[in-house]
Amino acid sequence: MADLLLVGRVAKAHGISGELAVDIHTDVPDERFAPGAVLTARLRDRSVRPVTVTTARPHSGRLLVRFDEVPDRTVAETMRGAQLLVDAAELAPSDDPDAFYDHELEGLAAVLTDGTPIGTVSEIARAPAGELLVVRKEDGTEALVPFVRAIVPEVDVKAGRVVIDPPEGLL
């Protein structure tokens, strides 16, 4: 199966006509949820199916999305909790050297500024204050590292590493 990346998660059905409230997990919702865009929906039972965006509109910090394949409230209820995914191969490379897709960071080695290994970036977590690198440390524990230039001064995807300059007590 292709490398699929999360762009949204269905929070709940909205109204009676099949519209869904979607939590956004992408920096470009206008592109990912444009009418005609085809996404992969991974349902709670882990089954997958393609869905085609009919309409999308902002509403209270979420998107209200209608899919061709979801004609009514009954079908919309089956979509609750579904992950909305895109194929990583379809994503254009970023023009911004300081912007990264989650899948580019996951799996990178995390090292201190002197080269001492810390562990591996296992995922990117989003918190109200910003993004965090979840680093699986060599001792098996996890550390949450704020993904800001002051603490993560270097990201070298090609070399497969992130350099971390942690303040005292972070790790």
N, C-alpha and C. Protein backbone atom coordinates (compact mmCIF):
# COMPACT_ATOMS: atom_id res chain seq x y z
N MET A 1 0.85 -1.19 0.00
CA MET A 1 0.00 0.00 0.00
C MET A 1 0.89 1.24 0.00
N ALA A 2 0.44 2.28 -0.63
CA ALA A 2 1.19 3.53 -0.73
C ALA A 2 1.41 4.13 0.65
N ASP A 3 2.38 5.04 0.74
CA ASP A 3 2.65 5.75 1.98
C ASP A 3 1.58 6.83 2.11
N LEU A 4 0.63 6.62 3.02
CA LEU A 4 -0.50 7.52 3.18
C LEU A 4 -0.27 8.48 4.34
N LEU A 5 -0.63 9.75 4.12
CA LEU A 5 -0.43 10.79 5.13
C LEU A 5 -1.77 11.39 5.54
N LEU A 6 -1.90 11.64 6.83
CA LEU A 6 -3.13 12.19 7.38
C LEU A 6 -3.29 13.65 7.00
N VAL A 7 -4.46 14.01 6.44
CA VAL A 7 -4.78 15.41 6.14
C VAL A 7 -6.02 15.86 6.89
N GLY A 8 -6.77 14.92 7.47
CA GLY A 8 -7.95 15.28 8.23
C GLY A 8 -8.52 14.08 8.95
N ARG A 9 -9.38 14.36 9.93
CA ARG A 9 -10.05 13.30 10.68
C ARG A 9 -11.51 13.71 10.85
N VAL A 10 -12.41 12.80 10.54
CA VAL A 10 -13.83 13.08 10.66
C VAL A 10 -14.19 13.11 12.15
N ALA A 11 -14.70 14.26 12.61
CA ALA A 11 -15.10 14.39 14.01
C ALA A 11 -16.52 13.87 14.22
N LYS A 12 -17.43 14.26 13.30
CA LYS A 12 -18.82 13.85 13.48
C LYS A 12 -19.62 14.19 12.23
N ALA A 13 -20.82 13.62 12.17
CA ALA A 13 -21.76 14.00 11.12
C ALA A 13 -22.31 15.38 11.48
N HIS A 14 -22.67 16.14 10.45
CA HIS A 14 -23.20 17.49 10.66
C HIS A 14 -24.48 17.64 9.84
N GLY A 15 -25.59 17.84 10.52
CA GLY A 15 -26.85 17.98 9.81
C GLY A 15 -27.37 16.64 9.33
N ILE A 16 -28.35 16.71 8.41
CA ILE A 16 -29.02 15.48 7.98
C ILE A 16 -28.69 15.07 6.55
N SER A 17 -27.88 15.89 5.85
CA SER A 17 -27.67 15.63 4.42
C SER A 17 -26.32 15.00 4.08
N GLY A 18 -25.61 14.46 5.09
CA GLY A 18 -24.36 13.75 4.80
C GLY A 18 -23.11 14.58 4.97
N GLU A 19 -23.25 15.81 5.42
CA GLU A 19 -22.07 16.66 5.62
C GLU A 19 -21.32 16.17 6.86
N LEU A 20 -19.98 16.31 6.83
CA LEU A 20 -19.13 15.85 7.92
C LEU A 20 -18.28 16.99 8.47
N ALA A 21 -18.15 17.05 9.79
CA ALA A 21 -17.24 18.00 10.43
C ALA A 21 -15.87 17.33 10.48
N VAL A 22 -14.87 17.99 9.89
CA VAL A 22 -13.53 17.41 9.75
C VAL A 22 -12.50 18.28 10.46
N ASP A 23 -11.70 17.65 11.34
CA ASP A 23 -10.55 18.32 11.95
C ASP A 23 -9.43 18.31 10.91
N ILE A 24 -8.84 19.47 10.67
CA ILE A 24 -7.84 19.63 9.61
C ILE A 24 -6.45 19.26 10.14
N HIS A 25 -5.70 18.49 9.35
CA HIS A 25 -4.32 18.10 9.67
C HIS A 25 -3.41 18.39 8.49
N THR A 26 -3.61 19.53 7.84
CA THR A 26 -2.80 19.92 6.69
C THR A 26 -2.66 21.42 6.66
N ASP A 27 -1.56 21.89 6.12
CA ASP A 27 -1.35 23.33 5.98
C ASP A 27 -2.06 23.90 4.76
N VAL A 28 -2.54 23.03 3.88
CA VAL A 28 -3.18 23.48 2.65
C VAL A 28 -4.57 22.85 2.49
N PRO A 29 -5.50 23.17 3.41
CA PRO A 29 -6.82 22.56 3.33
C PRO A 29 -7.56 22.91 2.03
N ASP A 30 -7.34 24.13 1.50
CA ASP A 30 -8.01 24.51 0.25
C ASP A 30 -7.63 23.60 -0.90
N GLU A 31 -6.40 23.10 -0.87
CA GLU A 31 -5.93 22.19 -1.92
C GLU A 31 -6.38 20.75 -1.64
N ARG A 32 -6.19 20.28 -0.41
CA ARG A 32 -6.51 18.89 -0.08
C ARG A 32 -8.00 18.60 -0.13
N PHE A 33 -8.82 19.62 0.21
CA PHE A 33 -10.27 19.42 0.25
C PHE A 33 -10.99 20.21 -0.85
N ALA A 34 -10.30 20.41 -1.97
CA ALA A 34 -10.91 21.08 -3.12
C ALA A 34 -11.93 20.15 -3.76
N PRO A 35 -13.02 20.70 -4.28
CA PRO A 35 -13.99 19.85 -4.96
C PRO A 35 -13.31 19.00 -6.05
N GLY A 36 -13.63 17.71 -6.04
CA GLY A 36 -13.03 16.78 -6.99
C GLY A 36 -11.81 16.04 -6.44
N ALA A 37 -11.23 16.53 -5.32
CA ALA A 37 -10.08 15.85 -4.72
C ALA A 37 -10.50 14.48 -4.21
N VAL A 38 -9.67 13.48 -4.48
CA VAL A 38 -9.95 12.12 -4.01
C VAL A 38 -9.02 11.82 -2.84
N LEU A 39 -9.62 11.44 -1.72
CA LEU A 39 -8.88 11.08 -0.52
C LEU A 39 -9.13 9.61 -0.22
N THR A 40 -8.29 9.04 0.61
CA THR A 40 -8.52 7.69 1.10
C THR A 40 -9.06 7.82 2.51
N ALA A 41 -10.21 7.23 2.78
CA ALA A 41 -10.79 7.23 4.12
C ALA A 41 -10.46 5.89 4.78
N ARG A 42 -9.79 5.95 5.93
CA ARG A 42 -9.54 4.75 6.73
C ARG A 42 -10.53 4.80 7.88
N LEU A 43 -11.48 3.90 7.85
CA LEU A 43 -12.55 3.89 8.85
C LEU A 43 -12.07 3.27 10.16
N ARG A 44 -12.89 3.38 11.18
CA ARG A 44 -12.52 2.85 12.50
C ARG A 44 -12.26 1.36 12.47
N ASP A 45 -12.91 0.63 11.57
CA ASP A 45 -12.67 -0.82 11.48
C ASP A 45 -11.43 -1.15 10.65
N ARG A 46 -10.66 -0.12 10.29
CA ARG A 46 -9.40 -0.20 9.52
C ARG A 46 -9.63 -0.46 8.03
N SER A 47 -10.87 -0.55 7.59
CA SER A 47 -11.12 -0.69 6.15
C SER A 47 -10.84 0.66 5.49
N VAL A 48 -10.51 0.62 4.21
CA VAL A 48 -10.22 1.85 3.47
C VAL A 48 -11.10 1.93 2.24
N ARG A 49 -11.41 3.16 1.87
CA ARG A 49 -12.18 3.38 0.65
C ARG A 49 -11.91 4.79 0.15
N PRO A 50 -11.98 4.98 -1.16
CA PRO A 50 -11.78 6.33 -1.69
C PRO A 50 -13.04 7.17 -1.48
N VAL A 51 -12.83 8.47 -1.25
CA VAL A 51 -13.94 9.41 -1.16
C VAL A 51 -13.57 10.64 -1.97
N THR A 52 -14.57 11.21 -2.64
CA THR A 52 -14.36 12.36 -3.51
C THR A 52 -15.05 13.58 -2.91
N VAL A 53 -14.29 14.65 -2.73
CA VAL A 53 -14.83 15.88 -2.14
C VAL A 53 -15.83 16.52 -3.11
N THR A 54 -17.02 16.78 -2.61
CA THR A 54 -18.03 17.51 -3.38
C THR A 54 -17.94 18.99 -3.03
N THR A 55 -17.99 19.30 -1.71
CA THR A 55 -17.86 20.67 -1.24
C THR A 55 -17.13 20.67 0.10
N ALA A 56 -16.54 21.81 0.43
CA ALA A 56 -15.91 22.00 1.74
C ALA A 56 -16.03 23.48 2.09
N ARG A 57 -16.34 23.72 3.37
CA ARG A 57 -16.45 25.10 3.83
C ARG A 57 -16.03 25.17 5.29
N PRO A 58 -15.40 26.28 5.68
CA PRO A 58 -14.97 26.42 7.08
C PRO A 58 -16.17 26.59 8.01
N HIS A 59 -16.01 26.05 9.24
CA HIS A 59 -17.06 26.17 10.24
C HIS A 59 -16.46 25.92 11.63
N SER A 60 -16.38 26.94 12.45
CA SER A 60 -15.93 26.81 13.85
C SER A 60 -14.60 26.09 13.99
N GLY A 61 -13.60 26.46 13.19
CA GLY A 61 -12.27 25.87 13.31
C GLY A 61 -12.12 24.52 12.63
N ARG A 62 -13.16 24.05 12.01
CA ARG A 62 -13.14 22.79 11.27
C ARG A 62 -13.58 23.07 9.85
N LEU A 63 -13.59 22.03 9.04
CA LEU A 63 -14.21 22.10 7.72
C LEU A 63 -15.48 21.27 7.75
N LEU A 64 -16.49 21.74 7.07
CA LEU A 64 -17.67 20.92 6.82
C LEU A 64 -17.52 20.42 5.40
N VAL A 65 -17.39 19.10 5.26
CA VAL A 65 -17.07 18.49 3.97
C VAL A 65 -18.19 17.55 3.56
N ARG A 66 -18.51 17.60 2.29
CA ARG A 66 -19.48 16.68 1.71
C ARG A 66 -18.71 15.84 0.68
N PHE A 67 -18.90 14.52 0.73
CA PHE A 67 -18.28 13.60 -0.21
C PHE A 67 -19.35 12.99 -1.10
N ASP A 68 -18.99 12.72 -2.35
CA ASP A 68 -19.92 12.07 -3.29
C ASP A 68 -20.48 10.77 -2.72
N GLU A 69 -19.64 10.04 -1.99
CA GLU A 69 -19.98 8.69 -1.51
C GLU A 69 -20.77 8.70 -0.20
N VAL A 70 -21.05 9.89 0.35
CA VAL A 70 -21.77 10.00 1.63
C VAL A 70 -23.05 10.82 1.39
N PRO A 71 -24.13 10.15 0.98
CA PRO A 71 -25.34 10.87 0.56
C PRO A 71 -26.26 11.33 1.70
N ASP A 72 -26.09 10.78 2.92
CA ASP A 72 -27.06 11.12 3.97
C ASP A 72 -26.45 10.94 5.36
N ARG A 73 -27.21 11.28 6.36
CA ARG A 73 -26.76 11.22 7.75
C ARG A 73 -26.40 9.80 8.17
N THR A 74 -27.14 8.81 7.71
CA THR A 74 -26.88 7.42 8.09
C THR A 74 -25.48 7.00 7.65
N VAL A 75 -25.12 7.28 6.41
CA VAL A 75 -23.78 6.95 5.92
C VAL A 75 -22.74 7.82 6.62
N ALA A 76 -23.07 9.10 6.86
CA ALA A 76 -22.14 10.02 7.53
C ALA A 76 -21.77 9.49 8.92
N GLU A 77 -22.72 8.91 9.64
CA GLU A 77 -22.44 8.37 10.97
C GLU A 77 -21.40 7.25 10.92
N THR A 78 -21.36 6.49 9.84
CA THR A 78 -20.37 5.41 9.72
C THR A 78 -18.96 5.96 9.50
N MET A 79 -18.87 7.24 9.13
CA MET A 79 -17.58 7.87 8.86
C MET A 79 -16.95 8.51 10.11
N ARG A 80 -17.70 8.57 11.21
CA ARG A 80 -17.17 9.19 12.43
C ARG A 80 -15.84 8.54 12.81
N GLY A 81 -14.82 9.39 13.05
CA GLY A 81 -13.51 8.90 13.44
C GLY A 81 -12.61 8.48 12.29
N ALA A 82 -13.12 8.54 11.06
CA ALA A 82 -12.31 8.12 9.90
C ALA A 82 -11.12 9.06 9.70
N GLN A 83 -10.00 8.49 9.36
CA GLN A 83 -8.82 9.26 8.97
C GLN A 83 -8.93 9.54 7.47
N LEU A 84 -8.64 10.77 7.09
CA LEU A 84 -8.64 11.15 5.68
C LEU A 84 -7.20 11.30 5.25
N LEU A 85 -6.80 10.53 4.25
CA LEU A 85 -5.39 10.37 3.89
C LEU A 85 -5.14 10.70 2.43
N VAL A 86 -3.88 11.11 2.14
CA VAL A 86 -3.43 11.30 0.77
C VAL A 86 -2.16 10.50 0.57
N ASP A 87 -1.87 10.17 -0.68
CA ASP A 87 -0.66 9.44 -1.03
C ASP A 87 0.52 10.41 -0.96
N ALA A 88 1.55 10.06 -0.21
CA ALA A 88 2.73 10.92 -0.06
C ALA A 88 3.37 11.24 -1.41
N ALA A 89 3.26 10.33 -2.37
CA ALA A 89 3.86 10.55 -3.69
C ALA A 89 3.19 11.70 -4.43
N GLU A 90 1.96 12.06 -4.04
CA GLU A 90 1.24 13.14 -4.70
C GLU A 90 1.63 14.52 -4.18
N LEU A 91 2.37 14.57 -3.08
CA LEU A 91 2.71 15.86 -2.49
C LEU A 91 3.91 16.48 -3.19
N ALA A 92 3.75 17.73 -3.56
CA ALA A 92 4.85 18.45 -4.21
C ALA A 92 5.87 18.83 -3.14
N PRO A 93 7.16 18.83 -3.50
CA PRO A 93 8.16 19.25 -2.53
C PRO A 93 7.93 20.71 -2.14
N SER A 94 8.23 21.03 -0.91
CA SER A 94 8.04 22.40 -0.43
C SER A 94 9.15 23.30 -0.95
N ASP A 95 8.79 24.54 -1.27
CA ASP A 95 9.78 25.52 -1.68
C ASP A 95 10.49 26.12 -0.47
N ASP A 96 9.92 25.94 0.70
CA ASP A 96 10.47 26.51 1.92
C ASP A 96 11.46 25.53 2.54
N PRO A 97 12.73 25.93 2.65
CA PRO A 97 13.73 25.00 3.22
C PRO A 97 13.49 24.68 4.69
N ASP A 98 12.65 25.47 5.36
CA ASP A 98 12.34 25.22 6.77
C ASP A 98 10.98 24.56 6.97
N ALA A 99 10.38 24.06 5.90
CA ALA A 99 9.09 23.37 5.99
C ALA A 99 9.27 21.90 5.63
N PHE A 100 8.66 21.04 6.43
CA PHE A 100 8.83 19.61 6.23
C PHE A 100 7.49 18.91 6.39
N TYR A 101 7.29 17.85 5.64
CA TYR A 101 6.15 16.98 5.85
C TYR A 101 6.49 16.04 7.00
N ASP A 102 5.47 15.62 7.74
CA ASP A 102 5.71 14.73 8.88
C ASP A 102 6.49 13.50 8.47
N HIS A 103 6.13 12.90 7.32
CA HIS A 103 6.79 11.65 6.91
C HIS A 103 8.27 11.86 6.59
N GLU A 104 8.69 13.10 6.32
CA GLU A 104 10.11 13.36 6.07
C GLU A 104 10.90 13.36 7.37
N LEU A 105 10.25 13.71 8.47
CA LEU A 105 10.92 13.80 9.77
C LEU A 105 10.89 12.48 10.54
N GLU A 106 9.80 11.73 10.38
CA GLU A 106 9.67 10.47 11.11
C GLU A 106 10.74 9.49 10.66
N GLY A 107 11.45 8.95 11.64
CA GLY A 107 12.52 8.00 11.34
C GLY A 107 13.90 8.62 11.32
N LEU A 108 13.99 9.95 11.37
CA LEU A 108 15.31 10.59 11.39
C LEU A 108 15.99 10.36 12.73
N ALA A 109 17.31 10.22 12.69
CA ALA A 109 18.10 10.10 13.92
C ALA A 109 18.12 11.46 14.61
N ALA A 110 17.97 11.47 15.92
CA ALA A 110 18.07 12.69 16.72
C ALA A 110 19.41 12.66 17.44
N VAL A 111 20.20 13.71 17.24
CA VAL A 111 21.53 13.80 17.86
C VAL A 111 21.68 15.16 18.53
N LEU A 112 22.57 15.20 19.53
CA LEU A 112 22.91 16.47 20.16
C LEU A 112 23.85 17.25 19.25
N THR A 113 24.10 18.51 19.57
CA THR A 113 24.96 19.35 18.73
C THR A 113 26.38 18.79 18.61
N ASP A 114 26.83 18.00 19.60
CA ASP A 114 28.17 17.41 19.52
C ASP A 114 28.16 16.05 18.81
N GLY A 115 26.99 15.64 18.29
CA GLY A 115 26.89 14.38 17.56
C GLY A 115 26.46 13.19 18.40
N THR A 116 26.30 13.36 19.70
CA THR A 116 25.89 12.26 20.58
C THR A 116 24.47 11.82 20.21
N PRO A 117 24.28 10.52 19.93
CA PRO A 117 22.94 10.03 19.58
C PRO A 117 21.97 10.15 20.75
N ILE A 118 20.74 10.56 20.44
CA ILE A 118 19.67 10.63 21.45
C ILE A 118 18.68 9.51 21.20
N GLY A 119 18.28 9.36 19.94
CA GLY A 119 17.26 8.38 19.58
C GLY A 119 16.75 8.64 18.18
N THR A 120 15.46 8.39 17.96
CA THR A 120 14.85 8.50 16.64
C THR A 120 13.53 9.27 16.74
N VAL A 121 13.27 10.13 15.77
CA VAL A 121 11.99 10.84 15.72
C VAL A 121 10.92 9.81 15.33
N SER A 122 9.95 9.58 16.23
CA SER A 122 8.93 8.58 15.95
C SER A 122 7.66 9.19 15.36
N GLU A 123 7.38 10.45 15.70
CA GLU A 123 6.20 11.11 15.13
C GLU A 123 6.26 12.60 15.42
N ILE A 124 5.33 13.33 14.83
CA ILE A 124 5.19 14.75 15.07
C ILE A 124 3.86 14.93 15.78
N ALA A 125 3.90 15.55 16.96
CA ALA A 125 2.68 15.80 17.72
C ALA A 125 2.34 17.28 17.60
N ARG A 126 1.05 17.57 17.56
CA ARG A 126 0.60 18.95 17.48
C ARG A 126 -0.06 19.32 18.78
N ALA A 127 0.40 20.42 19.35
CA ALA A 127 -0.16 20.93 20.60
C ALA A 127 -0.58 22.38 20.35
N PRO A 128 -1.39 22.94 21.23
CA PRO A 128 -1.80 24.33 21.02
C PRO A 128 -0.63 25.30 20.89
N ALA A 129 0.47 25.00 21.57
CA ALA A 129 1.63 25.90 21.52
C ALA A 129 2.51 25.66 20.30
N GLY A 130 2.29 24.60 19.55
CA GLY A 130 3.10 24.34 18.37
C GLY A 130 3.38 22.86 18.19
N GLU A 131 4.26 22.57 17.24
CA GLU A 131 4.59 21.18 16.93
C GLU A 131 5.69 20.67 17.85
N LEU A 132 5.62 19.37 18.13
CA LEU A 132 6.61 18.70 18.96
C LEU A 132 7.15 17.49 18.22
N LEU A 133 8.46 17.30 18.30
CA LEU A 133 9.05 16.06 17.80
C LEU A 133 8.95 15.04 18.94
N VAL A 134 8.37 13.89 18.66
CA VAL A 134 8.35 12.82 19.64
C VAL A 134 9.58 11.97 19.34
N VAL A 135 10.54 12.01 20.27
CA VAL A 135 11.81 11.30 20.08
C VAL A 135 11.82 10.06 20.96
N ARG A 136 11.91 8.89 20.32
CA ARG A 136 12.06 7.62 21.04
C ARG A 136 13.54 7.53 21.41
N LYS A 137 13.83 7.71 22.71
CA LYS A 137 15.22 7.73 23.16
C LYS A 137 15.81 6.33 23.17
N GLU A 138 17.11 6.27 23.21
CA GLU A 138 17.82 4.99 23.17
C GLU A 138 17.49 4.09 24.35
N ASP A 139 17.04 4.69 25.48
CA ASP A 139 16.68 3.88 26.65
C ASP A 139 15.22 3.41 26.60
N GLY A 140 14.51 3.70 25.47
CA GLY A 140 13.14 3.25 25.29
C GLY A 140 12.08 4.24 25.73
N THR A 141 12.48 5.31 26.41
CA THR A 141 11.51 6.33 26.82
C THR A 141 11.32 7.33 25.68
N GLU A 142 10.33 8.20 25.84
CA GLU A 142 10.07 9.22 24.82
C GLU A 142 10.33 10.60 25.39
N ALA A 143 10.78 11.50 24.53
CA ALA A 143 10.94 12.90 24.89
C ALA A 143 10.15 13.73 23.89
N LEU A 144 9.47 14.76 24.39
CA LEU A 144 8.77 15.69 23.53
C LEU A 144 9.64 16.92 23.37
N VAL A 145 10.04 17.19 22.13
CA VAL A 145 10.97 18.27 21.84
C VAL A 145 10.26 19.34 21.02
N PRO A 146 10.11 20.56 21.56
CA PRO A 146 9.49 21.62 20.77
C PRO A 146 10.23 21.81 19.45
N PHE A 147 9.47 21.80 18.36
CA PHE A 147 10.07 21.91 17.02
C PHE A 147 10.21 23.38 16.66
N VAL A 148 11.19 24.02 17.32
CA VAL A 148 11.53 25.43 17.07
C VAL A 148 13.02 25.52 16.82
N ARG A 149 13.42 26.51 16.02
CA ARG A 149 14.82 26.64 15.61
C ARG A 149 15.78 26.73 16.79
N ALA A 150 15.38 27.36 17.90
CA ALA A 150 16.27 27.50 19.05
C ALA A 150 16.65 26.15 19.66
N ILE A 151 15.76 25.17 19.54
CA ILE A 151 16.01 23.84 20.13
C ILE A 151 16.38 22.82 19.06
N VAL A 152 15.86 22.99 17.85
CA VAL A 152 16.18 22.09 16.73
C VAL A 152 16.82 22.97 15.64
N PRO A 153 18.13 23.26 15.81
CA PRO A 153 18.77 24.20 14.88
C PRO A 153 19.04 23.64 13.49
N GLU A 154 19.01 22.31 13.34
CA GLU A 154 19.34 21.73 12.04
C GLU A 154 18.48 20.50 11.76
N VAL A 155 17.92 20.48 10.55
CA VAL A 155 17.20 19.32 10.05
C VAL A 155 17.84 18.98 8.71
N ASP A 156 18.39 17.79 8.62
CA ASP A 156 19.03 17.36 7.38
C ASP A 156 18.38 16.05 6.94
N VAL A 157 17.32 16.19 6.14
CA VAL A 157 16.56 15.01 5.71
C VAL A 157 17.44 14.07 4.90
N LYS A 158 18.26 14.63 4.01
CA LYS A 158 19.12 13.78 3.17
C LYS A 158 20.12 12.99 4.00
N ALA A 159 20.65 13.59 5.05
CA ALA A 159 21.61 12.90 5.92
C ALA A 159 20.88 12.03 6.95
N GLY A 160 19.56 12.20 7.06
CA GLY A 160 18.78 11.37 7.96
C GLY A 160 18.89 11.73 9.42
N ARG A 161 19.01 13.05 9.73
CA ARG A 161 19.16 13.42 11.14
C ARG A 161 18.60 14.79 11.45
N VAL A 162 18.25 14.96 12.72
CA VAL A 162 17.92 16.27 13.27
C VAL A 162 18.89 16.52 14.41
N VAL A 163 19.35 17.76 14.51
CA VAL A 163 20.25 18.15 15.59
C VAL A 163 19.42 18.87 16.64
N ILE A 164 19.59 18.45 17.89
CA ILE A 164 18.83 19.02 18.98
C ILE A 164 19.78 19.67 19.98
N ASP A 165 19.46 20.92 20.34
CA ASP A 165 20.22 21.67 21.34
C ASP A 165 19.27 21.94 22.50
N PRO A 166 19.07 20.94 23.38
CA PRO A 166 18.02 21.05 24.39
C PRO A 166 18.40 21.96 25.57
N PRO A 167 17.41 22.69 26.07
CA PRO A 167 17.67 23.38 27.32
C PRO A 167 17.79 22.35 28.45
N GLU A 168 18.42 22.73 29.52
CA GLU A 168 18.62 21.79 30.62
C GLU A 168 17.29 21.22 31.11
N GLY A 169 17.25 19.91 31.28
CA GLY A 169 16.08 19.23 31.80
C GLY A 169 15.09 18.75 30.73
N LEU A 170 15.27 19.15 29.46
CA LEU A 170 14.31 18.74 28.42
C LEU A 170 14.37 17.25 28.17
N LEU A 171 15.56 16.70 28.09
CA LEU A 171 15.69 15.27 27.76
C LEU A 171 15.81 14.45 29.04
